[in-house]
Amino acid sequence: MATNTAGVDARQAPWQMVHYMRKTVSYSDTGISTGVPFKNYLPSGASIMYVMVKVKTAFNAASTNVLTVGYNSTSYDNMVAAADVDESATEASMVLRGADLTVSSDQRVYIKYTQTGDAATTGSAEVVIAYVPSNDE
């Protein structure tokens, strides 16, 4: 029966394998201060293996630069919290904090960048989320 409600696009292959989602963001992306979403959703039951944040170009706001990743409400910091990444250094930061999460329903993940002081003129980062879907139970 049609419900006229669009379903979500959870990213899950039918095989037993590690899955991932990847997104690159910039300091100037539209909506970055409130959170920009990944294209796909994490599927219900997925267990997060890790979240990797690779700062490609240093973020250079004068006072603070904060990049977070998550699906919790509007703070979007339950996978990568404010202190987990050095936004001023161009390096990969393996963030294992997300490894204790299992999503209970399809979840859209957001990347959020906030700043204080003089506005940033540079900054970009690539975020990779590796997860295992619950497709063998």
N, C-alpha and C. Protein backbone atom coordinates (compact mmCIF):
# COMPACT_ATOMS: atom_id res chain seq x y z
N MET A 1 0.84 -1.18 0.00
CA MET A 1 0.00 0.00 0.00
C MET A 1 0.89 1.24 0.00
N ALA A 2 0.63 2.17 -0.88
CA ALA A 2 1.40 3.41 -0.96
C ALA A 2 1.07 4.32 0.22
N THR A 3 2.10 4.91 0.80
CA THR A 3 1.88 5.80 1.94
C THR A 3 2.18 7.25 1.60
N ASN A 4 2.72 7.49 0.39
CA ASN A 4 3.13 8.83 -0.03
C ASN A 4 4.18 9.42 0.90
N THR A 5 4.93 8.56 1.58
CA THR A 5 6.03 8.99 2.43
C THR A 5 7.32 8.44 1.85
N ALA A 6 8.22 9.33 1.54
CA ALA A 6 9.49 8.89 0.96
C ALA A 6 10.30 8.14 2.00
N GLY A 7 10.92 7.04 1.59
CA GLY A 7 11.79 6.29 2.48
C GLY A 7 13.16 6.93 2.52
N VAL A 8 13.96 6.51 3.46
CA VAL A 8 15.32 7.02 3.55
C VAL A 8 16.22 6.15 2.70
N ASP A 9 17.36 6.67 2.36
CA ASP A 9 18.32 5.97 1.52
C ASP A 9 19.46 5.47 2.38
N ALA A 10 19.19 4.42 3.19
CA ALA A 10 20.24 3.86 4.04
C ALA A 10 21.25 3.15 3.16
N ARG A 11 22.52 3.36 3.46
CA ARG A 11 23.58 2.81 2.61
C ARG A 11 23.97 1.44 3.13
N GLN A 12 23.54 0.38 2.41
CA GLN A 12 23.83 -0.97 2.86
C GLN A 12 23.85 -1.92 1.68
N ALA A 13 24.99 -2.55 1.45
CA ALA A 13 25.12 -3.60 0.44
C ALA A 13 24.64 -4.91 1.07
N PRO A 14 24.23 -5.88 0.26
CA PRO A 14 23.70 -7.13 0.82
C PRO A 14 24.77 -8.10 1.31
N TRP A 15 26.04 -7.79 1.13
CA TRP A 15 27.11 -8.70 1.52
C TRP A 15 27.64 -8.38 2.91
N GLN A 16 28.28 -9.38 3.51
CA GLN A 16 28.93 -9.15 4.80
C GLN A 16 30.29 -8.52 4.54
N MET A 17 30.34 -7.21 4.74
CA MET A 17 31.56 -6.46 4.49
C MET A 17 31.48 -5.14 5.23
N VAL A 18 32.63 -4.52 5.42
CA VAL A 18 32.67 -3.21 6.03
C VAL A 18 32.15 -2.19 5.02
N HIS A 19 31.29 -1.32 5.47
CA HIS A 19 30.73 -0.26 4.64
C HIS A 19 31.34 1.07 5.06
N TYR A 20 31.22 2.06 4.21
CA TYR A 20 31.69 3.38 4.61
C TYR A 20 30.87 4.47 3.93
N MET A 21 30.93 5.64 4.52
CA MET A 21 30.39 6.85 3.93
C MET A 21 31.50 7.89 3.99
N ARG A 22 31.63 8.69 2.93
CA ARG A 22 32.70 9.69 2.88
C ARG A 22 32.12 11.01 2.39
N LYS A 23 32.57 12.10 3.01
CA LYS A 23 32.12 13.43 2.61
C LYS A 23 33.23 14.43 2.89
N THR A 24 33.42 15.36 1.95
CA THR A 24 34.37 16.45 2.14
C THR A 24 33.58 17.73 2.34
N VAL A 25 33.99 18.51 3.34
CA VAL A 25 33.32 19.78 3.63
C VAL A 25 34.35 20.90 3.64
N SER A 26 33.84 22.11 3.48
CA SER A 26 34.66 23.32 3.49
C SER A 26 34.06 24.31 4.48
N TYR A 27 34.90 25.21 4.98
CA TYR A 27 34.45 26.24 5.92
C TYR A 27 33.30 27.08 5.36
N SER A 28 33.23 27.18 4.04
CA SER A 28 32.25 28.06 3.40
C SER A 28 31.03 27.33 2.84
N ASP A 29 30.90 26.03 3.10
CA ASP A 29 29.73 25.29 2.62
C ASP A 29 28.45 25.87 3.18
N THR A 30 27.44 25.97 2.36
CA THR A 30 26.14 26.46 2.80
C THR A 30 25.60 25.54 3.90
N GLY A 31 25.24 26.12 5.03
CA GLY A 31 24.67 25.36 6.14
C GLY A 31 25.67 24.69 7.05
N ILE A 32 26.97 24.87 6.83
CA ILE A 32 27.98 24.17 7.63
C ILE A 32 27.88 24.53 9.11
N SER A 33 27.44 25.75 9.43
CA SER A 33 27.37 26.15 10.84
C SER A 33 26.20 25.50 11.58
N THR A 34 25.26 24.94 10.86
CA THR A 34 24.15 24.21 11.48
C THR A 34 24.21 22.72 11.17
N GLY A 35 25.11 22.33 10.28
CA GLY A 35 25.30 20.92 9.95
C GLY A 35 24.91 20.59 8.53
N VAL A 36 25.83 19.97 7.79
CA VAL A 36 25.53 19.50 6.43
C VAL A 36 25.49 17.97 6.46
N PRO A 37 24.47 17.40 5.82
CA PRO A 37 24.29 15.95 5.92
C PRO A 37 25.10 15.16 4.90
N PHE A 38 25.42 13.92 5.26
CA PHE A 38 25.91 12.96 4.29
C PHE A 38 24.76 12.64 3.35
N LYS A 39 25.06 12.17 2.18
CA LYS A 39 24.02 11.86 1.19
C LYS A 39 23.13 10.71 1.67
N ASN A 40 23.74 9.67 2.24
CA ASN A 40 23.00 8.50 2.66
C ASN A 40 22.87 8.44 4.17
N TYR A 41 22.03 7.53 4.62
CA TYR A 41 21.80 7.32 6.05
C TYR A 41 22.58 6.09 6.51
N LEU A 42 22.92 6.06 7.81
CA LEU A 42 23.41 4.83 8.42
C LEU A 42 22.21 3.92 8.61
N PRO A 43 22.31 2.64 8.23
CA PRO A 43 21.16 1.75 8.38
C PRO A 43 20.93 1.33 9.83
N SER A 44 19.70 1.08 10.16
CA SER A 44 19.33 0.61 11.49
C SER A 44 20.16 -0.62 11.86
N GLY A 45 20.70 -0.63 13.07
CA GLY A 45 21.49 -1.76 13.55
C GLY A 45 22.97 -1.68 13.21
N ALA A 46 23.39 -0.66 12.44
CA ALA A 46 24.80 -0.55 12.06
C ALA A 46 25.66 -0.27 13.29
N SER A 47 26.82 -0.93 13.34
CA SER A 47 27.79 -0.70 14.39
C SER A 47 28.94 0.12 13.79
N ILE A 48 29.24 1.25 14.41
CA ILE A 48 30.31 2.11 13.93
C ILE A 48 31.65 1.47 14.28
N MET A 49 32.53 1.35 13.30
CA MET A 49 33.88 0.85 13.55
C MET A 49 34.80 2.00 13.92
N TYR A 50 34.76 3.06 13.13
CA TYR A 50 35.56 4.25 13.42
C TYR A 50 35.09 5.40 12.56
N VAL A 51 35.49 6.59 12.97
CA VAL A 51 35.29 7.79 12.19
C VAL A 51 36.67 8.41 11.99
N MET A 52 37.02 8.69 10.74
CA MET A 52 38.29 9.34 10.45
C MET A 52 38.01 10.73 9.91
N VAL A 53 38.68 11.71 10.48
CA VAL A 53 38.59 13.08 9.98
C VAL A 53 39.98 13.46 9.49
N LYS A 54 40.08 13.82 8.23
CA LYS A 54 41.36 14.26 7.67
C LYS A 54 41.22 15.73 7.29
N VAL A 55 41.90 16.58 8.02
CA VAL A 55 41.91 18.01 7.70
C VAL A 55 42.81 18.18 6.48
N LYS A 56 42.20 18.61 5.37
CA LYS A 56 42.95 18.77 4.12
C LYS A 56 43.58 20.15 4.01
N THR A 57 42.85 21.16 4.47
CA THR A 57 43.34 22.54 4.54
C THR A 57 42.96 23.06 5.92
N ALA A 58 43.91 23.62 6.63
CA ALA A 58 43.66 24.08 8.00
C ALA A 58 42.54 25.12 8.05
N PHE A 59 41.70 25.01 9.06
CA PHE A 59 40.65 26.00 9.32
C PHE A 59 41.31 27.14 10.09
N ASN A 60 41.03 28.38 9.70
CA ASN A 60 41.81 29.48 10.27
C ASN A 60 40.99 30.62 10.88
N ALA A 61 39.84 30.32 11.47
CA ALA A 61 39.12 31.37 12.20
C ALA A 61 40.02 31.86 13.33
N ALA A 62 39.88 33.12 13.71
CA ALA A 62 40.81 33.75 14.65
C ALA A 62 40.82 33.12 16.03
N SER A 63 39.65 32.81 16.60
CA SER A 63 39.62 32.32 17.99
C SER A 63 39.45 30.81 18.08
N THR A 64 38.32 30.29 17.63
CA THR A 64 38.10 28.84 17.72
C THR A 64 37.59 28.29 16.40
N ASN A 65 37.96 27.05 16.15
CA ASN A 65 37.51 26.28 15.00
C ASN A 65 37.05 24.94 15.55
N VAL A 66 35.79 24.58 15.33
CA VAL A 66 35.26 23.35 15.90
C VAL A 66 34.52 22.56 14.81
N LEU A 67 35.02 21.35 14.54
CA LEU A 67 34.39 20.45 13.58
C LEU A 67 33.86 19.25 14.34
N THR A 68 32.57 18.98 14.21
CA THR A 68 31.96 17.84 14.89
C THR A 68 31.20 16.99 13.88
N VAL A 69 30.95 15.74 14.26
CA VAL A 69 30.22 14.79 13.40
C VAL A 69 29.26 14.01 14.28
N GLY A 70 28.03 13.85 13.81
CA GLY A 70 27.09 13.05 14.58
C GLY A 70 25.69 13.09 14.04
N TYR A 71 24.81 12.42 14.77
CA TYR A 71 23.40 12.36 14.40
C TYR A 71 22.50 12.70 15.57
N ASN A 72 23.07 13.21 16.65
CA ASN A 72 22.27 13.54 17.82
C ASN A 72 21.74 14.97 17.74
N SER A 73 20.47 15.11 17.56
CA SER A 73 19.77 16.38 17.57
C SER A 73 20.48 17.42 16.71
N THR A 74 20.75 18.59 17.26
CA THR A 74 21.40 19.64 16.47
C THR A 74 22.84 19.87 16.89
N SER A 75 23.33 19.18 17.92
CA SER A 75 24.73 19.37 18.31
C SER A 75 25.66 18.58 17.40
N TYR A 76 25.18 17.47 16.86
CA TYR A 76 25.95 16.64 15.93
C TYR A 76 27.37 16.40 16.43
N ASP A 77 27.49 15.86 17.63
CA ASP A 77 28.82 15.63 18.19
C ASP A 77 28.97 14.29 18.89
N ASN A 78 28.04 13.35 18.66
CA ASN A 78 28.15 12.08 19.37
C ASN A 78 29.12 11.10 18.70
N MET A 79 29.60 11.41 17.49
CA MET A 79 30.60 10.56 16.83
C MET A 79 31.98 11.21 16.90
N VAL A 80 32.05 12.49 16.64
CA VAL A 80 33.29 13.26 16.77
C VAL A 80 32.93 14.51 17.56
N ALA A 81 33.55 14.65 18.73
CA ALA A 81 33.26 15.79 19.61
C ALA A 81 34.24 16.93 19.34
N ALA A 82 33.96 18.06 19.95
CA ALA A 82 34.74 19.28 19.72
C ALA A 82 36.23 19.11 19.95
N ALA A 83 36.63 18.36 20.95
CA ALA A 83 38.05 18.23 21.28
C ALA A 83 38.76 17.11 20.52
N ASP A 84 38.05 16.38 19.67
CA ASP A 84 38.63 15.22 19.01
C ASP A 84 39.53 15.54 17.81
N VAL A 85 39.37 16.71 17.22
CA VAL A 85 40.11 17.04 15.99
C VAL A 85 40.86 18.36 16.17
N ASP A 86 42.08 18.41 15.68
CA ASP A 86 42.82 19.67 15.63
C ASP A 86 42.59 20.27 14.25
N GLU A 87 41.66 21.20 14.17
CA GLU A 87 41.26 21.78 12.90
C GLU A 87 42.34 22.67 12.29
N SER A 88 43.35 23.04 13.06
CA SER A 88 44.40 23.90 12.55
C SER A 88 45.57 23.12 11.96
N ALA A 89 45.54 21.79 12.03
CA ALA A 89 46.63 20.96 11.52
C ALA A 89 46.13 20.08 10.38
N THR A 90 46.92 19.95 9.35
CA THR A 90 46.54 19.10 8.22
C THR A 90 47.09 17.70 8.45
N GLU A 91 46.24 16.87 9.03
CA GLU A 91 46.61 15.49 9.33
C GLU A 91 45.34 14.68 9.50
N ALA A 92 45.50 13.37 9.46
CA ALA A 92 44.35 12.51 9.71
C ALA A 92 44.23 12.27 11.21
N SER A 93 43.02 12.37 11.72
CA SER A 93 42.76 12.08 13.12
C SER A 93 41.82 10.89 13.18
N MET A 94 42.31 9.78 13.67
CA MET A 94 41.46 8.61 13.80
C MET A 94 40.69 8.76 15.09
N VAL A 95 39.39 8.86 14.98
CA VAL A 95 38.55 9.08 16.14
C VAL A 95 37.81 7.78 16.42
N LEU A 96 38.17 7.12 17.50
CA LEU A 96 37.56 5.83 17.83
C LEU A 96 36.38 5.98 18.77
N ARG A 97 36.06 7.19 19.15
CA ARG A 97 34.94 7.42 20.06
C ARG A 97 33.64 6.86 19.50
N GLY A 98 33.44 6.97 18.21
CA GLY A 98 32.22 6.47 17.58
C GLY A 98 32.10 4.97 17.60
N ALA A 99 33.20 4.27 17.90
CA ALA A 99 33.20 2.82 17.84
C ALA A 99 32.27 2.17 18.85
N ASP A 100 31.80 2.91 19.83
CA ASP A 100 30.89 2.31 20.81
C ASP A 100 29.42 2.53 20.44
N LEU A 101 29.16 3.07 19.26
CA LEU A 101 27.78 3.37 18.86
C LEU A 101 27.20 2.30 17.96
N THR A 102 25.95 1.98 18.19
CA THR A 102 25.14 1.17 17.29
C THR A 102 23.85 1.93 17.09
N VAL A 103 23.49 2.19 15.84
CA VAL A 103 22.30 2.99 15.59
C VAL A 103 21.05 2.12 15.68
N SER A 104 20.03 2.63 16.32
CA SER A 104 18.81 1.85 16.54
C SER A 104 17.78 2.07 15.45
N SER A 105 17.98 3.07 14.62
CA SER A 105 17.11 3.31 13.47
C SER A 105 17.95 4.00 12.41
N ASP A 106 17.46 4.04 11.17
CA ASP A 106 18.21 4.72 10.12
C ASP A 106 18.53 6.14 10.58
N GLN A 107 19.79 6.52 10.45
CA GLN A 107 20.22 7.83 10.96
C GLN A 107 20.96 8.61 9.88
N ARG A 108 20.60 9.86 9.74
CA ARG A 108 21.34 10.78 8.87
C ARG A 108 22.43 11.41 9.71
N VAL A 109 23.66 11.40 9.20
CA VAL A 109 24.81 11.94 9.92
C VAL A 109 25.14 13.31 9.33
N TYR A 110 25.53 14.23 10.22
CA TYR A 110 25.85 15.60 9.83
C TYR A 110 27.27 15.96 10.25
N ILE A 111 27.88 16.85 9.47
CA ILE A 111 29.16 17.46 9.82
C ILE A 111 28.87 18.93 10.08
N LYS A 112 29.40 19.42 11.18
CA LYS A 112 29.13 20.81 11.58
C LYS A 112 30.46 21.51 11.88
N TYR A 113 30.58 22.74 11.39
CA TYR A 113 31.76 23.55 11.66
C TYR A 113 31.30 24.88 12.24
N THR A 114 31.81 25.19 13.43
CA THR A 114 31.51 26.48 14.04
C THR A 114 32.81 27.19 14.35
N GLN A 115 32.74 28.52 14.40
CA GLN A 115 33.94 29.32 14.59
C GLN A 115 33.63 30.57 15.39
N THR A 116 34.66 31.13 16.00
CA THR A 116 34.52 32.41 16.68
C THR A 116 35.71 33.28 16.31
N GLY A 117 35.57 34.56 16.57
CA GLY A 117 36.62 35.51 16.19
C GLY A 117 36.47 35.88 14.73
N ASP A 118 37.53 36.42 14.15
CA ASP A 118 37.49 36.76 12.72
C ASP A 118 37.17 35.50 11.94
N ALA A 119 36.31 35.64 10.94
CA ALA A 119 35.83 34.50 10.16
C ALA A 119 36.97 33.80 9.42
N ALA A 120 36.81 32.50 9.28
CA ALA A 120 37.78 31.69 8.55
C ALA A 120 37.80 32.09 7.08
N THR A 121 38.97 31.94 6.47
CA THR A 121 39.11 32.15 5.02
C THR A 121 39.61 30.88 4.34
N THR A 122 39.97 29.88 5.15
CA THR A 122 40.37 28.58 4.60
C THR A 122 39.86 27.48 5.53
N GLY A 123 39.84 26.28 5.01
CA GLY A 123 39.50 25.12 5.82
C GLY A 123 38.69 24.10 5.04
N SER A 124 39.16 22.87 5.02
CA SER A 124 38.39 21.77 4.44
C SER A 124 38.81 20.48 5.12
N ALA A 125 37.89 19.55 5.17
CA ALA A 125 38.16 18.26 5.81
C ALA A 125 37.37 17.17 5.13
N GLU A 126 37.94 15.98 5.13
CA GLU A 126 37.26 14.80 4.62
C GLU A 126 36.90 13.93 5.82
N VAL A 127 35.67 13.46 5.85
CA VAL A 127 35.20 12.61 6.95
C VAL A 127 34.80 11.26 6.38
N VAL A 128 35.33 10.19 6.97
CA VAL A 128 35.00 8.83 6.56
C VAL A 128 34.44 8.11 7.78
N ILE A 129 33.27 7.51 7.61
CA ILE A 129 32.65 6.72 8.67
C ILE A 129 32.64 5.26 8.19
N ALA A 130 33.32 4.40 8.93
CA ALA A 130 33.32 2.97 8.61
C ALA A 130 32.36 2.27 9.57
N TYR A 131 31.51 1.41 9.02
CA TYR A 131 30.52 0.73 9.85
C TYR A 131 30.20 -0.65 9.30
N VAL A 132 29.63 -1.47 10.17
CA VAL A 132 29.20 -2.80 9.80
C VAL A 132 27.69 -2.86 9.98
N PRO A 133 26.95 -3.12 8.89
CA PRO A 133 25.49 -3.21 9.03
C PRO A 133 25.09 -4.51 9.70
N SER A 134 23.90 -4.53 10.22
CA SER A 134 23.38 -5.72 10.87
C SER A 134 22.62 -6.53 9.82
N ASN A 135 23.36 -7.18 8.92
CA ASN A 135 22.72 -7.90 7.83
C ASN A 135 22.93 -9.41 7.88
N ASP A 136 23.39 -9.89 9.02
CA ASP A 136 23.61 -11.33 9.13
C ASP A 136 22.91 -11.96 10.32
N GLU A 137 22.00 -11.22 10.92
CA GLU A 137 21.31 -11.75 12.10
C GLU A 137 19.90 -12.15 11.77
